[in-house]
């Protein structure tokens, strides 16, 4: 059985306007539905849920190198969930790779690779991480779960052996303990505001004489209002919240037309809005 076609913003708005009575909606109305009414719906969801929605939970893996304590959040960052330092003792540059495999360095002497995660900390595929399902010690080929960007001979990898949760500290506490030259394995982090998406500061400042890199898994809630409209996460949201977006644009179109049905359909929309928030695990 074929999977249903994933909805897009365009198809959702088209369905809503059709329900409102538009056979062939004018371009101006379609544009208004996509650029304004849909954004108002997202704002309603965002404000009512306070931004903490299960569907918006995501993560990013940062590459951590020597003395880089300040790290910018991703453009869709809203609220942090957790921060985990990823560590390992085996690292190198791949001989070759693809989307489902990576050939580790010829001198790689690790044997216990299957069942571990492999993190790409530099080169092609940087910041990708994947689970190794099989490893051939003679060919050095590690079979991995599919990654988005194919790996190649510039991909630098780290085989992960351990992970350590970092403690959050208030910025005033960071200011009271930090001193020039404090470096080592990061144990905690503090949040820092800046002009765009904010950043965080690691303490101690990352450093080890061996120059082995770290990974840093940052779990957070994505900002629904700044999500990439063509991104994978937004596609999932349109699919899971299809009815809410259709009903919201439908009611707003009726309201724009001064249609008597608008008030009743607004009530349906608000009930659907509360149902979505409840399903996401937030009390309202």
C-alpha atoms as a PDB file:
ATOM      1  CA  UNK A   1       0.000   0.000   0.000  1.00  0.00           C
ATOM      2  CA  UNK A   2       1.398   3.352  -1.057  1.00  0.00           C
ATOM      3  CA  UNK A   3       1.959   6.016   1.571  1.00  0.00           C
ATOM      4  CA  UNK A   4      -0.357   9.045   1.365  1.00  0.00           C
ATOM      5  CA  UNK A   5       1.018  12.111  -0.349  1.00  0.00           C
ATOM      6  CA  UNK A   6       2.412  14.550   2.187  1.00  0.00           C
ATOM      7  CA  UNK A   7       0.485  17.837   2.244  1.00  0.00           C
ATOM      8  CA  UNK A   8       2.165  21.146   1.545  1.00  0.00           C
ATOM      9  CA  UNK A   9       1.202  24.643   2.598  1.00  0.00           C
ATOM     10  CA  UNK A  10      -0.157  25.184  -0.903  1.00  0.00           C
ATOM     11  CA  UNK A  11      -2.401  22.095  -0.851  1.00  0.00           C
ATOM     12  CA  UNK A  12      -3.676  22.843   2.665  1.00  0.00           C
ATOM     13  CA  UNK A  13      -4.627  26.413   1.767  1.00  0.00           C
ATOM     14  CA  UNK A  14      -6.193  25.242  -1.498  1.00  0.00           C
ATOM     15  CA  UNK A  15      -8.391  22.740   0.366  1.00  0.00           C
ATOM     16  CA  UNK A  16      -9.425  25.349   2.943  1.00  0.00           C
ATOM     17  CA  UNK A  17     -10.389  27.900   0.302  1.00  0.00           C
ATOM     18  CA  UNK A  18     -12.327  25.249  -1.581  1.00  0.00           C
ATOM     19  CA  UNK A  19     -14.340  24.535   1.586  1.00  0.00           C
ATOM     20  CA  UNK A  20     -15.009  28.270   1.887  1.00  0.00           C
ATOM     21  CA  UNK A  21     -16.576  28.276  -1.577  1.00  0.00           C
ATOM     22  CA  UNK A  22     -13.745  29.365  -3.839  1.00  0.00           C
ATOM     23  CA  UNK A  23     -13.801  27.284  -7.006  1.00  0.00           C
ATOM     24  CA  UNK A  24     -10.718  28.968  -8.362  1.00  0.00           C
ATOM     25  CA  UNK A  25      -9.480  31.291  -5.633  1.00  0.00           C
ATOM     26  CA  UNK A  26      -7.919  34.591  -6.750  1.00  0.00           C
ATOM     27  CA  UNK A  27      -4.145  34.692  -6.444  1.00  0.00           C
ATOM     28  CA  UNK A  28      -4.401  37.457  -3.858  1.00  0.00           C
ATOM     29  CA  UNK A  29      -6.553  35.259  -1.588  1.00  0.00           C
ATOM     30  CA  UNK A  30      -4.247  32.260  -1.993  1.00  0.00           C
ATOM     31  CA  UNK A  31      -1.253  34.443  -1.164  1.00  0.00           C
ATOM     32  CA  UNK A  32      -3.037  35.841   1.864  1.00  0.00           C
ATOM     33  CA  UNK A  33      -3.863  32.330   3.035  1.00  0.00           C
ATOM     34  CA  UNK A  34      -0.263  31.141   2.728  1.00  0.00           C
ATOM     35  CA  UNK A  35       1.562  34.271   3.876  1.00  0.00           C
ATOM     36  CA  UNK A  36      -0.743  35.574   6.612  1.00  0.00           C
ATOM     37  CA  UNK A  37      -3.501  33.214   7.765  1.00  0.00           C
ATOM     38  CA  UNK A  38      -1.246  30.163   7.998  1.00  0.00           C
ATOM     39  CA  UNK A  39       1.313  32.242   9.906  1.00  0.00           C
ATOM     40  CA  UNK A  40      -1.425  33.425  12.287  1.00  0.00           C
ATOM     41  CA  UNK A  41      -2.312  29.773  12.941  1.00  0.00           C
ATOM     42  CA  UNK A  42       1.320  28.998  13.729  1.00  0.00           C
ATOM     43  CA  UNK A  43       1.382  31.972  16.084  1.00  0.00           C
ATOM     44  CA  UNK A  44      -1.770  30.697  17.846  1.00  0.00           C
ATOM     45  CA  UNK A  45      -0.149  27.268  18.314  1.00  0.00           C
ATOM     46  CA  UNK A  46       3.104  28.813  19.485  1.00  0.00           C
ATOM     47  CA  UNK A  47       1.577  31.175  22.028  1.00  0.00           C
ATOM     48  CA  UNK A  48      -0.847  28.646  23.483  1.00  0.00           C
ATOM     49  CA  UNK A  49       1.776  25.912  23.846  1.00  0.00           C
ATOM     50  CA  UNK A  50       4.573  28.206  25.059  1.00  0.00           C
ATOM     51  CA  UNK A  51       6.743  26.624  22.368  1.00  0.00           C
ATOM     52  CA  UNK A  52       7.105  23.251  24.110  1.00  0.00           C
ATOM     53  CA  UNK A  53       5.622  20.777  21.642  1.00  0.00           C
ATOM     54  CA  UNK A  54       6.703  17.176  21.146  1.00  0.00           C
ATOM     55  CA  UNK A  55       6.622  17.570  17.379  1.00  0.00           C
ATOM     56  CA  UNK A  56       9.112  20.430  17.660  1.00  0.00           C
ATOM     57  CA  UNK A  57      11.722  18.458  19.595  1.00  0.00           C
ATOM     58  CA  UNK A  58      14.875  18.226  17.503  1.00  0.00           C
ATOM     59  CA  UNK A  59      18.641  18.085  17.850  1.00  0.00           C
ATOM     60  CA  UNK A  60      21.870  19.315  16.324  1.00  0.00           C
ATOM     61  CA  UNK A  61      25.351  17.830  16.734  1.00  0.00           C
ATOM     62  CA  UNK A  62      28.066  20.466  17.039  1.00  0.00           C
ATOM     63  CA  UNK A  63      31.729  19.855  16.294  1.00  0.00           C
ATOM     64  CA  UNK A  64      33.864  20.942  19.240  1.00  0.00           C
ATOM     65  CA  UNK A  65      37.535  21.712  18.718  1.00  0.00           C
ATOM     66  CA  UNK A  66      40.234  23.413  20.762  1.00  0.00           C
ATOM     67  CA  UNK A  67      39.366  26.611  22.587  1.00  0.00           C
ATOM     68  CA  UNK A  68      36.015  27.292  20.908  1.00  0.00           C
ATOM     69  CA  UNK A  69      33.879  27.991  23.989  1.00  0.00           C
ATOM     70  CA  UNK A  70      31.239  30.169  22.315  1.00  0.00           C
ATOM     71  CA  UNK A  71      28.887  28.302  19.984  1.00  0.00           C
ATOM     72  CA  UNK A  72      25.906  29.741  18.124  1.00  0.00           C
ATOM     73  CA  UNK A  73      22.507  28.100  18.268  1.00  0.00           C
ATOM     74  CA  UNK A  74      20.806  26.992  15.082  1.00  0.00           C
ATOM     75  CA  UNK A  75      18.489  29.459  13.342  1.00  0.00           C
ATOM     76  CA  UNK A  76      15.403  27.494  14.449  1.00  0.00           C
ATOM     77  CA  UNK A  77      16.419  27.351  18.127  1.00  0.00           C
ATOM     78  CA  UNK A  78      13.799  28.297  20.702  1.00  0.00           C
ATOM     79  CA  UNK A  79      14.267  26.573  24.071  1.00  0.00           C
ATOM     80  CA  UNK A  80      16.959  24.153  25.195  1.00  0.00           C
ATOM     81  CA  UNK A  81      16.227  20.626  26.442  1.00  0.00           C
ATOM     82  CA  UNK A  82      19.630  19.080  27.116  1.00  0.00           C
ATOM     83  CA  UNK A  83      23.326  19.253  26.199  1.00  0.00           C
ATOM     84  CA  UNK A  84      25.508  16.140  26.002  1.00  0.00           C
ATOM     85  CA  UNK A  85      29.242  15.902  25.320  1.00  0.00           C
ATOM     86  CA  UNK A  86      30.124  13.036  22.953  1.00  0.00           C
ATOM     87  CA  UNK A  87      33.556  11.472  23.366  1.00  0.00           C
ATOM     88  CA  UNK A  88      35.785   8.799  21.852  1.00  0.00           C
ATOM     89  CA  UNK A  89      39.419   7.757  21.453  1.00  0.00           C
ATOM     90  CA  UNK A  90      39.452   6.649  17.811  1.00  0.00           C
ATOM     91  CA  UNK A  91      39.315   9.258  15.072  1.00  0.00           C
ATOM     92  CA  UNK A  92      40.718   9.882  11.603  1.00  0.00           C
ATOM     93  CA  UNK A  93      40.002  10.768   7.986  1.00  0.00           C
ATOM     94  CA  UNK A  94      37.868   8.425   5.885  1.00  0.00           C
ATOM     95  CA  UNK A  95      39.300   6.763   2.791  1.00  0.00           C
ATOM     96  CA  UNK A  96      35.924   6.977   1.065  1.00  0.00           C
ATOM     97  CA  UNK A  97      32.253   6.743   1.884  1.00  0.00           C
ATOM     98  CA  UNK A  98      28.673   7.185   0.808  1.00  0.00           C
ATOM     99  CA  UNK A  99      25.251   7.622   2.389  1.00  0.00           C
ATOM    100  CA  UNK A 100      25.201   4.148   3.974  1.00  0.00           C
ATOM    101  CA  UNK A 101      28.875   3.398   4.594  1.00  0.00           C
ATOM    102  CA  UNK A 102      32.205   4.924   5.509  1.00  0.00           C
ATOM    103  CA  UNK A 103      35.631   3.388   4.967  1.00  0.00           C
ATOM    104  CA  UNK A 104      37.695   4.313   7.998  1.00  0.00           C
ATOM    105  CA  UNK A 105      41.362   5.302   7.806  1.00  0.00           C
ATOM    106  CA  UNK A 106      43.774   2.571   6.675  1.00  0.00           C
ATOM    107  CA  UNK A 107      45.613   2.827   9.992  1.00  0.00           C
ATOM    108  CA  UNK A 108      42.437   2.637  12.076  1.00  0.00           C
ATOM    109  CA  UNK A 109      42.951  -0.010  14.780  1.00  0.00           C
ATOM    110  CA  UNK A 110      39.502   0.083  16.365  1.00  0.00           C
ATOM    111  CA  UNK A 111      37.759  -3.301  16.276  1.00  0.00           C
ATOM    112  CA  UNK A 112      34.697  -2.669  18.442  1.00  0.00           C
ATOM    113  CA  UNK A 113      32.850  -0.352  16.060  1.00  0.00           C
ATOM    114  CA  UNK A 114      29.521  -2.049  15.311  1.00  0.00           C
ATOM    115  CA  UNK A 115      26.838  -0.806  17.690  1.00  0.00           C
ATOM    116  CA  UNK A 116      28.478   2.589  18.177  1.00  0.00           C
ATOM    117  CA  UNK A 117      27.764   5.953  16.636  1.00  0.00           C
ATOM    118  CA  UNK A 118      30.185   7.550  14.196  1.00  0.00           C
ATOM    119  CA  UNK A 119      30.309  11.337  14.208  1.00  0.00           C
ATOM    120  CA  UNK A 120      31.638  13.413  11.297  1.00  0.00           C
ATOM    121  CA  UNK A 121      33.374  16.364  12.914  1.00  0.00           C
ATOM    122  CA  UNK A 122      34.905  17.993   9.808  1.00  0.00           C
ATOM    123  CA  UNK A 123      34.951  17.805   6.014  1.00  0.00           C
ATOM    124  CA  UNK A 124      32.112  16.543   3.836  1.00  0.00           C
ATOM    125  CA  UNK A 125      29.096  15.652   5.945  1.00  0.00           C
ATOM    126  CA  UNK A 126      30.242  17.698   8.941  1.00  0.00           C
ATOM    127  CA  UNK A 127      27.960  17.446  12.012  1.00  0.00           C
ATOM    128  CA  UNK A 128      26.289  14.271  10.765  1.00  0.00           C
ATOM    129  CA  UNK A 129      26.073  11.316  13.134  1.00  0.00           C
ATOM    130  CA  UNK A 130      25.018   7.766  12.362  1.00  0.00           C
ATOM    131  CA  UNK A 131      24.739   4.374  14.014  1.00  0.00           C
ATOM    132  CA  UNK A 132      27.153   1.689  12.798  1.00  0.00           C
ATOM    133  CA  UNK A 133      25.358  -1.613  12.130  1.00  0.00           C
ATOM    134  CA  UNK A 134      28.354  -3.659  10.894  1.00  0.00           C
ATOM    135  CA  UNK A 135      32.113  -3.303  10.600  1.00  0.00           C
ATOM    136  CA  UNK A 136      34.730  -5.249   8.612  1.00  0.00           C
ATOM    137  CA  UNK A 137      38.126  -4.975  10.301  1.00  0.00           C
ATOM    138  CA  UNK A 138      39.969  -6.051   7.155  1.00  0.00           C
ATOM    139  CA  UNK A 139      38.404  -3.611   4.691  1.00  0.00           C
ATOM    140  CA  UNK A 140      37.724  -0.918   7.330  1.00  0.00           C
ATOM    141  CA  UNK A 141      34.218  -0.514   5.903  1.00  0.00           C
ATOM    142  CA  UNK A 142      31.599   0.524   8.456  1.00  0.00           C
ATOM    143  CA  UNK A 143      27.977   0.095   7.407  1.00  0.00           C
ATOM    144  CA  UNK A 144      25.894   2.947   8.814  1.00  0.00           C
ATOM    145  CA  UNK A 145      22.308   4.094   8.861  1.00  0.00           C
ATOM    146  CA  UNK A 146      21.571   6.451   5.959  1.00  0.00           C
ATOM    147  CA  UNK A 147      22.916   9.995   6.225  1.00  0.00           C
ATOM    148  CA  UNK A 148      21.716  12.957   4.175  1.00  0.00           C
ATOM    149  CA  UNK A 149      25.108  13.970   2.730  1.00  0.00           C
ATOM    150  CA  UNK A 150      27.300  11.273   1.189  1.00  0.00           C
ATOM    151  CA  UNK A 151      30.663  10.929   2.927  1.00  0.00           C
ATOM    152  CA  UNK A 152      33.995  10.960   1.062  1.00  0.00           C
ATOM    153  CA  UNK A 153      37.762  11.086   1.586  1.00  0.00           C
ATOM    154  CA  UNK A 154      37.554  14.512   3.255  1.00  0.00           C
ATOM    155  CA  UNK A 155      35.173  13.318   5.979  1.00  0.00           C
ATOM    156  CA  UNK A 156      36.834  13.317   9.393  1.00  0.00           C
ATOM    157  CA  UNK A 157      35.236  10.913  11.858  1.00  0.00           C
ATOM    158  CA  UNK A 158      35.130  10.193  15.576  1.00  0.00           C
ATOM    159  CA  UNK A 159      33.958   6.812  16.881  1.00  0.00           C
ATOM    160  CA  UNK A 160      31.880   7.541  19.964  1.00  0.00           C
ATOM    161  CA  UNK A 161      32.516   5.585  23.165  1.00  0.00           C
ATOM    162  CA  UNK A 162      30.803   7.686  25.806  1.00  0.00           C
ATOM    163  CA  UNK A 163      28.501  10.627  26.433  1.00  0.00           C
ATOM    164  CA  UNK A 164      28.347  13.024  29.355  1.00  0.00           C
ATOM    165  CA  UNK A 165      25.447  15.372  30.169  1.00  0.00           C
ATOM    166  CA  UNK A 166      26.550  18.963  30.738  1.00  0.00           C
ATOM    167  CA  UNK A 167      25.119  21.042  33.568  1.00  0.00           C
ATOM    168  CA  UNK A 168      23.427  24.343  32.823  1.00  0.00           C
ATOM    169  CA  UNK A 169      24.642  27.284  34.878  1.00  0.00           C
ATOM    170  CA  UNK A 170      23.194  30.798  35.175  1.00  0.00           C
ATOM    171  CA  UNK A 171      25.231  33.412  33.357  1.00  0.00           C
ATOM    172  CA  UNK A 172      25.992  35.234  36.627  1.00  0.00           C
ATOM    173  CA  UNK A 173      27.533  32.029  37.993  1.00  0.00           C
ATOM    174  CA  UNK A 174      29.631  31.599  34.860  1.00  0.00           C
ATOM    175  CA  UNK A 175      30.879  35.177  35.230  1.00  0.00           C
ATOM    176  CA  UNK A 176      31.854  34.489  38.835  1.00  0.00           C
ATOM    177  CA  UNK A 177      33.977  31.383  38.138  1.00  0.00           C
ATOM    178  CA  UNK A 178      35.443  31.848  34.691  1.00  0.00           C
ATOM    179  CA  UNK A 179      39.040  32.920  34.427  1.00  0.00           C
ATOM    180  CA  UNK A 180      41.504  33.295  31.597  1.00  0.00           C
ATOM    181  CA  UNK A 181      43.258  30.036  30.840  1.00  0.00           C
ATOM    182  CA  UNK A 182      40.595  27.746  32.318  1.00  0.00           C
ATOM    183  CA  UNK A 183      40.479  24.910  29.824  1.00  0.00           C
ATOM    184  CA  UNK A 184      39.894  21.180  29.686  1.00  0.00           C
ATOM    185  CA  UNK A 185      36.922  18.867  29.194  1.00  0.00           C
ATOM    186  CA  UNK A 186      33.670  20.896  29.230  1.00  0.00           C
ATOM    187  CA  UNK A 187      31.477  20.161  32.239  1.00  0.00           C
ATOM    188  CA  UNK A 188      28.811  22.853  32.019  1.00  0.00           C
ATOM    189  CA  UNK A 189      27.426  25.627  29.842  1.00  0.00           C
ATOM    190  CA  UNK A 190      25.794  29.018  30.172  1.00  0.00           C
ATOM    191  CA  UNK A 191      23.353  30.718  27.818  1.00  0.00           C
ATOM    192  CA  UNK A 192      24.278  34.008  26.196  1.00  0.00           C
ATOM    193  CA  UNK A 193      22.075  36.446  24.280  1.00  0.00           C
ATOM    194  CA  UNK A 194      23.256  37.932  21.003  1.00  0.00           C
ATOM    195  CA  UNK A 195      21.804  39.697  17.962  1.00  0.00           C
ATOM    196  CA  UNK A 196      20.266  36.649  16.253  1.00  0.00           C
ATOM    197  CA  UNK A 197      19.588  33.182  17.736  1.00  0.00           C
ATOM    198  CA  UNK A 198      21.669  33.427  20.913  1.00  0.00           C
ATOM    199  CA  UNK A 199      24.616  31.213  21.797  1.00  0.00           C
ATOM    200  CA  UNK A 200      26.019  29.183  24.643  1.00  0.00           C
ATOM    201  CA  UNK A 201      29.394  29.170  26.352  1.00  0.00           C
ATOM    202  CA  UNK A 202      31.176  26.003  27.462  1.00  0.00           C
ATOM    203  CA  UNK A 203      33.102  25.780  30.709  1.00  0.00           C
ATOM    204  CA  UNK A 204      35.933  24.871  30.914  1.00  0.00           C
ATOM    205  CA  UNK A 205      36.955  26.013  27.467  1.00  0.00           C
ATOM    206  CA  UNK A 206      37.389  22.859  25.303  1.00  0.00           C
ATOM    207  CA  UNK A 207      40.974  21.657  25.223  1.00  0.00           C
ATOM    208  CA  UNK A 208      43.044  18.501  25.375  1.00  0.00           C
ATOM    209  CA  UNK A 209      46.636  17.984  24.352  1.00  0.00           C
ATOM    210  CA  UNK A 210      45.841  14.993  22.121  1.00  0.00           C
ATOM    211  CA  UNK A 211      43.682  17.245  19.890  1.00  0.00           C
ATOM    212  CA  UNK A 212      40.965  14.580  19.760  1.00  0.00           C
ATOM    213  CA  UNK A 213      37.725  16.422  18.928  1.00  0.00           C
ATOM    214  CA  UNK A 214      34.387  16.161  20.699  1.00  0.00           C
ATOM    215  CA  UNK A 215      30.821  16.142  19.536  1.00  0.00           C
ATOM    216  CA  UNK A 216      28.100  18.032  21.375  1.00  0.00           C
ATOM    217  CA  UNK A 217      24.500  16.857  21.043  1.00  0.00           C
ATOM    218  CA  UNK A 218      22.127  19.756  21.654  1.00  0.00           C
ATOM    219  CA  UNK A 219      18.482  18.784  22.045  1.00  0.00           C
ATOM    220  CA  UNK A 220      16.023  21.660  21.830  1.00  0.00           C
ATOM    221  CA  UNK A 221      12.580  22.844  20.831  1.00  0.00           C
ATOM    222  CA  UNK A 222      12.537  24.335  17.363  1.00  0.00           C
ATOM    223  CA  UNK A 223      10.837  27.690  16.896  1.00  0.00           C
ATOM    224  CA  UNK A 224       7.662  27.067  14.909  1.00  0.00           C
ATOM    225  CA  UNK A 225       7.652  30.691  13.739  1.00  0.00           C
ATOM    226  CA  UNK A 226      11.116  30.515  12.152  1.00  0.00           C
ATOM    227  CA  UNK A 227      11.168  26.937  10.834  1.00  0.00           C
ATOM    228  CA  UNK A 228      12.280  26.452   7.247  1.00  0.00           C
ATOM    229  CA  UNK A 229       8.997  26.214   5.320  1.00  0.00           C
ATOM    230  CA  UNK A 230      10.581  23.707   2.933  1.00  0.00           C
ATOM    231  CA  UNK A 231      12.331  21.698   5.653  1.00  0.00           C
ATOM    232  CA  UNK A 232      11.623  18.124   6.767  1.00  0.00           C
ATOM    233  CA  UNK A 233      10.277  19.145  10.173  1.00  0.00           C
ATOM    234  CA  UNK A 234       7.739  21.558   8.688  1.00  0.00           C
ATOM    235  CA  UNK A 235       6.624  18.839   6.269  1.00  0.00           C
ATOM    236  CA  UNK A 236       5.934  16.534   9.227  1.00  0.00           C
ATOM    237  CA  UNK A 237       4.004  19.263  11.015  1.00  0.00           C
ATOM    238  CA  UNK A 238       1.807  19.934   7.990  1.00  0.00           C
ATOM    239  CA  UNK A 239       1.078  16.220   7.847  1.00  0.00           C
ATOM    240  CA  UNK A 240       0.331  15.768  11.548  1.00  0.00           C
ATOM    241  CA  UNK A 241      -1.629  18.996  11.946  1.00  0.00           C
ATOM    242  CA  UNK A 242      -3.305  18.959   8.537  1.00  0.00           C
ATOM    243  CA  UNK A 243      -6.853  19.359   9.846  1.00  0.00           C
ATOM    244  CA  UNK A 244      -5.930  22.279  12.077  1.00  0.00           C
ATOM    245  CA  UNK A 245      -4.341  24.272   9.255  1.00  0.00           C
ATOM    246  CA  UNK A 246      -7.243  23.578   6.892  1.00  0.00           C
ATOM    247  CA  UNK A 247      -9.836  24.540   9.512  1.00  0.00           C
ATOM    248  CA  UNK A 248      -7.910  27.650  10.522  1.00  0.00           C
ATOM    249  CA  UNK A 249      -7.580  28.997   6.986  1.00  0.00           C
ATOM    250  CA  UNK A 250     -11.205  27.996   6.291  1.00  0.00           C
ATOM    251  CA  UNK A 251     -12.508  30.026   9.242  1.00  0.00           C
ATOM    252  CA  UNK A 252     -10.286  32.997   8.434  1.00  0.00           C
ATOM    253  CA  UNK A 253     -11.446  32.970   4.808  1.00  0.00           C
ATOM    254  CA  UNK A 254     -15.093  32.998   5.965  1.00  0.00           C
ATOM    255  CA  UNK A 255     -14.271  35.798   8.373  1.00  0.00           C
ATOM    256  CA  UNK A 256     -12.697  37.756   5.525  1.00  0.00           C
ATOM    257  CA  UNK A 257     -15.842  37.218   3.443  1.00  0.00           C
ATOM    258  CA  UNK A 258     -18.042  38.332   6.375  1.00  0.00           C
ATOM    259  CA  UNK A 259     -19.781  34.966   6.086  1.00  0.00           C
ATOM    260  CA  UNK A 260     -22.276  34.062   8.853  1.00  0.00           C
ATOM    261  CA  UNK A 261     -20.587  30.666   9.249  1.00  0.00           C
ATOM    262  CA  UNK A 262     -17.351  32.253  10.448  1.00  0.00           C
ATOM    263  CA  UNK A 263     -18.169  32.341  14.176  1.00  0.00           C
ATOM    264  CA  UNK A 264     -19.224  28.684  14.319  1.00  0.00           C
ATOM    265  CA  UNK A 265     -16.165  27.568  12.358  1.00  0.00           C
ATOM    266  CA  UNK A 266     -13.969  29.654  14.636  1.00  0.00           C
ATOM    267  CA  UNK A 267     -15.269  27.561  17.544  1.00  0.00           C
ATOM    268  CA  UNK A 268     -14.371  24.366  15.666  1.00  0.00           C
ATOM    269  CA  UNK A 269     -10.890  25.775  15.009  1.00  0.00           C
ATOM    270  CA  UNK A 270     -10.307  26.644  18.667  1.00  0.00           C
ATOM    271  CA  UNK A 271     -11.405  23.158  19.751  1.00  0.00           C
ATOM    272  CA  UNK A 272      -8.993  21.608  17.240  1.00  0.00           C
ATOM    273  CA  UNK A 273      -6.239  23.943  18.421  1.00  0.00           C
ATOM    274  CA  UNK A 274      -6.709  22.836  22.033  1.00  0.00           C
ATOM    275  CA  UNK A 275      -6.820  19.195  20.964  1.00  0.00           C
ATOM    276  CA  UNK A 276      -3.480  19.495  19.161  1.00  0.00           C
ATOM    277  CA  UNK A 277      -1.860  21.135  22.186  1.00  0.00           C
ATOM    278  CA  UNK A 278      -3.301  18.464  24.501  1.00  0.00           C
ATOM    279  CA  UNK A 279      -1.983  15.688  22.260  1.00  0.00           C
ATOM    280  CA  UNK A 280       1.443  17.276  22.374  1.00  0.00           C
ATOM    281  CA  UNK A 281       1.455  16.850  26.152  1.00  0.00           C
ATOM    282  CA  UNK A 282       0.985  20.462  27.252  1.00  0.00           C
ATOM    283  CA  UNK A 283      -1.778  21.464  29.673  1.00  0.00           C
ATOM    284  CA  UNK A 284      -3.687  24.621  28.694  1.00  0.00           C
END
